[in-house]
Amino acid sequence: MNRAERGRAGEDAAVALLESHGYRIVARNVRLPGGEIDVIARDGDTIVFVEVKARAGTSFGSALGAVDARKRTTLRALAADWLQIAAPRARARFDVVTFDRGRAALHRDAFA
């Protein structure tokens, strides 16, 4: 399995996890100037921007740790752009789905 296939499989698993928690998927792999949002979902009346990260081992740190300050800044900007176009009055938050050594975890409200 190449990197793109692993990424797609991870995102598929993340979507399944989100749906099992009652999220409704709005969009996947949303490309905007400046980057891409992995998953946009609804949790009740809240728009949730979801970053998906996986780590097979610990030599490069945890999957959650990979969502560093730079990545959070980029995601905030992308989310603001998307909200301005699609849902200007919506309440929003950022969640992260991680896969560390195959173990899935949902981190709600992972950053502001």
C-alpha atoms as a PDB file:
ATOM      1  CA  MET A   1       0.000   0.000   0.000  1.00  0.00           C
ATOM      2  CA  ASN A   2       1.510   3.355  -1.006  1.00  0.00           C
ATOM      3  CA  ARG A   3       1.330   6.566   1.016  1.00  0.00           C
ATOM      4  CA  ALA A   4      -1.791   7.887  -0.756  1.00  0.00           C
ATOM      5  CA  GLU A   5      -3.602   4.585  -0.213  1.00  0.00           C
ATOM      6  CA  ARG A   6      -2.627   4.553   3.475  1.00  0.00           C
ATOM      7  CA  GLY A   7      -3.849   8.129   3.809  1.00  0.00           C
ATOM      8  CA  ARG A   8      -7.173   7.294   2.180  1.00  0.00           C
ATOM      9  CA  ALA A   9      -7.596   4.204   4.383  1.00  0.00           C
ATOM     10  CA  GLY A  10      -6.861   6.294   7.486  1.00  0.00           C
ATOM     11  CA  GLU A  11      -9.383   8.928   6.461  1.00  0.00           C
ATOM     12  CA  ASP A  12     -11.979   6.220   5.749  1.00  0.00           C
ATOM     13  CA  ALA A  13     -11.410   4.803   9.244  1.00  0.00           C
ATOM     14  CA  ALA A  14     -11.610   8.303  10.744  1.00  0.00           C
ATOM     15  CA  VAL A  15     -14.926   8.953   8.989  1.00  0.00           C
ATOM     16  CA  ALA A  16     -16.296   5.645  10.310  1.00  0.00           C
ATOM     17  CA  LEU A  17     -15.193   6.618  13.838  1.00  0.00           C
ATOM     18  CA  LEU A  18     -16.796  10.062  13.531  1.00  0.00           C
ATOM     19  CA  GLU A  19     -20.050   8.577  12.233  1.00  0.00           C
ATOM     20  CA  SER A  20     -20.082   6.082  15.118  1.00  0.00           C
ATOM     21  CA  HIS A  21     -20.022   9.108  17.446  1.00  0.00           C
ATOM     22  CA  GLY A  22     -23.002  10.674  15.674  1.00  0.00           C
ATOM     23  CA  TYR A  23     -21.179  13.115  13.413  1.00  0.00           C
ATOM     24  CA  ARG A  24     -22.635  13.816   9.976  1.00  0.00           C
ATOM     25  CA  ILE A  25     -19.947  14.161   7.304  1.00  0.00           C
ATOM     26  CA  VAL A  26     -20.279  17.349   5.250  1.00  0.00           C
ATOM     27  CA  ALA A  27     -17.142  17.098   3.092  1.00  0.00           C
ATOM     28  CA  ARG A  28     -13.783  15.362   2.787  1.00  0.00           C
ATOM     29  CA  ASN A  29     -10.446  16.548   1.434  1.00  0.00           C
ATOM     30  CA  VAL A  30     -11.582  20.135   0.990  1.00  0.00           C
ATOM     31  CA  ARG A  31      -8.917  21.983  -0.976  1.00  0.00           C
ATOM     32  CA  LEU A  32      -8.643  25.712  -0.478  1.00  0.00           C
ATOM     33  CA  PRO A  33      -5.915  28.204  -1.324  1.00  0.00           C
ATOM     34  CA  GLY A  34      -3.384  27.539   1.397  1.00  0.00           C
ATOM     35  CA  GLY A  35      -4.115  23.901   2.116  1.00  0.00           C
ATOM     36  CA  GLU A  36      -6.590  21.110   2.664  1.00  0.00           C
ATOM     37  CA  ILE A  37      -9.078  20.227   5.395  1.00  0.00           C
ATOM     38  CA  ASP A  38      -9.265  16.447   5.889  1.00  0.00           C
ATOM     39  CA  VAL A  39     -12.888  16.243   7.051  1.00  0.00           C
ATOM     40  CA  ILE A  40     -15.667  18.737   7.709  1.00  0.00           C
ATOM     41  CA  ALA A  41     -18.537  17.351   9.768  1.00  0.00           C
ATOM     42  CA  ARG A  42     -21.521  18.395  11.839  1.00  0.00           C
ATOM     43  CA  ASP A  43     -21.890  17.438  15.470  1.00  0.00           C
ATOM     44  CA  GLY A  44     -25.362  18.690  16.274  1.00  0.00           C
ATOM     45  CA  ASP A  45     -25.400  22.326  15.208  1.00  0.00           C
ATOM     46  CA  THR A  46     -21.612  22.697  15.378  1.00  0.00           C
ATOM     47  CA  ILE A  47     -19.371  22.576  12.309  1.00  0.00           C
ATOM     48  CA  VAL A  48     -16.335  20.440  13.125  1.00  0.00           C
ATOM     49  CA  PHE A  49     -13.062  20.681  11.228  1.00  0.00           C
ATOM     50  CA  VAL A  50     -11.227  17.388  11.639  1.00  0.00           C
ATOM     51  CA  GLU A  51      -7.537  16.733  11.113  1.00  0.00           C
ATOM     52  CA  VAL A  52      -6.567  13.065  10.685  1.00  0.00           C
ATOM     53  CA  LYS A  53      -3.072  11.983  11.773  1.00  0.00           C
ATOM     54  CA  ALA A  54      -1.461   8.556  11.951  1.00  0.00           C
ATOM     55  CA  ARG A  55       1.817   7.259  13.328  1.00  0.00           C
ATOM     56  CA  ALA A  56       3.011   3.675  12.955  1.00  0.00           C
ATOM     57  CA  GLY A  57       5.652   4.082  15.660  1.00  0.00           C
ATOM     58  CA  THR A  58       6.896   6.579  18.206  1.00  0.00           C
ATOM     59  CA  SER A  59      10.203   7.628  16.646  1.00  0.00           C
ATOM     60  CA  PHE A  60       8.623  10.808  15.248  1.00  0.00           C
ATOM     61  CA  GLY A  61       6.397  11.478  18.264  1.00  0.00           C
ATOM     62  CA  SER A  62       2.694  10.963  18.723  1.00  0.00           C
ATOM     63  CA  ALA A  63       0.075  11.556  16.052  1.00  0.00           C
ATOM     64  CA  LEU A  64      -1.564  14.253  18.189  1.00  0.00           C
ATOM     65  CA  GLY A  65       1.801  15.939  18.662  1.00  0.00           C
ATOM     66  CA  ALA A  66       2.101  16.190  14.874  1.00  0.00           C
ATOM     67  CA  VAL A  67      -0.718  18.742  14.913  1.00  0.00           C
ATOM     68  CA  ASP A  68       1.736  21.441  15.919  1.00  0.00           C
ATOM     69  CA  ALA A  69       1.324  25.222  16.188  1.00  0.00           C
ATOM     70  CA  ARG A  70       2.000  25.730  12.492  1.00  0.00           C
ATOM     71  CA  LYS A  71      -0.608  23.127  11.476  1.00  0.00           C
ATOM     72  CA  ARG A  72      -3.166  24.593  13.905  1.00  0.00           C
ATOM     73  CA  THR A  73      -2.596  28.081  12.475  1.00  0.00           C
ATOM     74  CA  THR A  74      -3.092  26.780   8.942  1.00  0.00           C
ATOM     75  CA  LEU A  75      -6.263  24.900   9.909  1.00  0.00           C
ATOM     76  CA  ARG A  76      -7.719  27.962  11.650  1.00  0.00           C
ATOM     77  CA  ALA A  77      -7.161  30.057   8.519  1.00  0.00           C
ATOM     78  CA  LEU A  78      -8.635  27.399   6.222  1.00  0.00           C
ATOM     79  CA  ALA A  79     -11.654  26.975   8.499  1.00  0.00           C
ATOM     80  CA  ALA A  80     -12.243  30.740   8.581  1.00  0.00           C
ATOM     81  CA  ASP A  81     -12.167  30.835   4.780  1.00  0.00           C
ATOM     82  CA  TRP A  82     -14.594  27.916   4.485  1.00  0.00           C
ATOM     83  CA  LEU A  83     -16.963  29.319   7.112  1.00  0.00           C
ATOM     84  CA  GLN A  84     -17.035  32.718   5.428  1.00  0.00           C
ATOM     85  CA  ILE A  85     -18.285  31.067   2.233  1.00  0.00           C
ATOM     86  CA  ALA A  86     -20.430  28.182   3.503  1.00  0.00           C
ATOM     87  CA  ALA A  87     -21.685  28.957   7.015  1.00  0.00           C
ATOM     88  CA  PRO A  88     -20.780  32.453   8.247  1.00  0.00           C
ATOM     89  CA  ARG A  89     -22.846  32.256  11.440  1.00  0.00           C
ATOM     90  CA  ALA A  90     -22.034  28.683  12.406  1.00  0.00           C
ATOM     91  CA  ARG A  91     -20.430  27.645  15.648  1.00  0.00           C
ATOM     92  CA  ALA A  92     -17.227  25.715  14.938  1.00  0.00           C
ATOM     93  CA  ARG A  93     -14.560  23.645  16.648  1.00  0.00           C
ATOM     94  CA  PHE A  94     -11.473  21.611  15.804  1.00  0.00           C
ATOM     95  CA  ASP A  95     -11.230  17.884  16.479  1.00  0.00           C
ATOM     96  CA  VAL A  96      -8.367  15.532  15.709  1.00  0.00           C
ATOM     97  CA  VAL A  97      -8.628  11.822  14.946  1.00  0.00           C
ATOM     98  CA  THR A  98      -5.379  10.019  15.656  1.00  0.00           C
ATOM     99  CA  PHE A  99      -4.074   6.571  14.896  1.00  0.00           C
ATOM    100  CA  ASP A 100      -1.081   5.700  17.066  1.00  0.00           C
ATOM    101  CA  ARG A 101       0.267   2.229  16.297  1.00  0.00           C
ATOM    102  CA  GLY A 102      -3.144   1.286  14.932  1.00  0.00           C
ATOM    103  CA  ARG A 103      -5.139   2.562  17.897  1.00  0.00           C
ATOM    104  CA  ALA A 104      -7.818   5.137  16.994  1.00  0.00           C
ATOM    105  CA  ALA A 105      -8.749   8.068  19.216  1.00  0.00           C
ATOM    106  CA  LEU A 106     -11.079  11.028  18.814  1.00  0.00           C
ATOM    107  CA  HIS A 107      -9.848  14.243  20.429  1.00  0.00           C
ATOM    108  CA  ARG A 108     -12.818  16.600  20.645  1.00  0.00           C
ATOM    109  CA  ASP A 109     -12.158  20.319  20.823  1.00  0.00           C
ATOM    110  CA  ALA A 110      -8.442  19.570  20.421  1.00  0.00           C
ATOM    111  CA  PHE A 111      -7.530  23.237  20.002  1.00  0.00           C
ATOM    112  CA  ALA A 112      -9.187  26.633  19.693  1.00  0.00           C
END
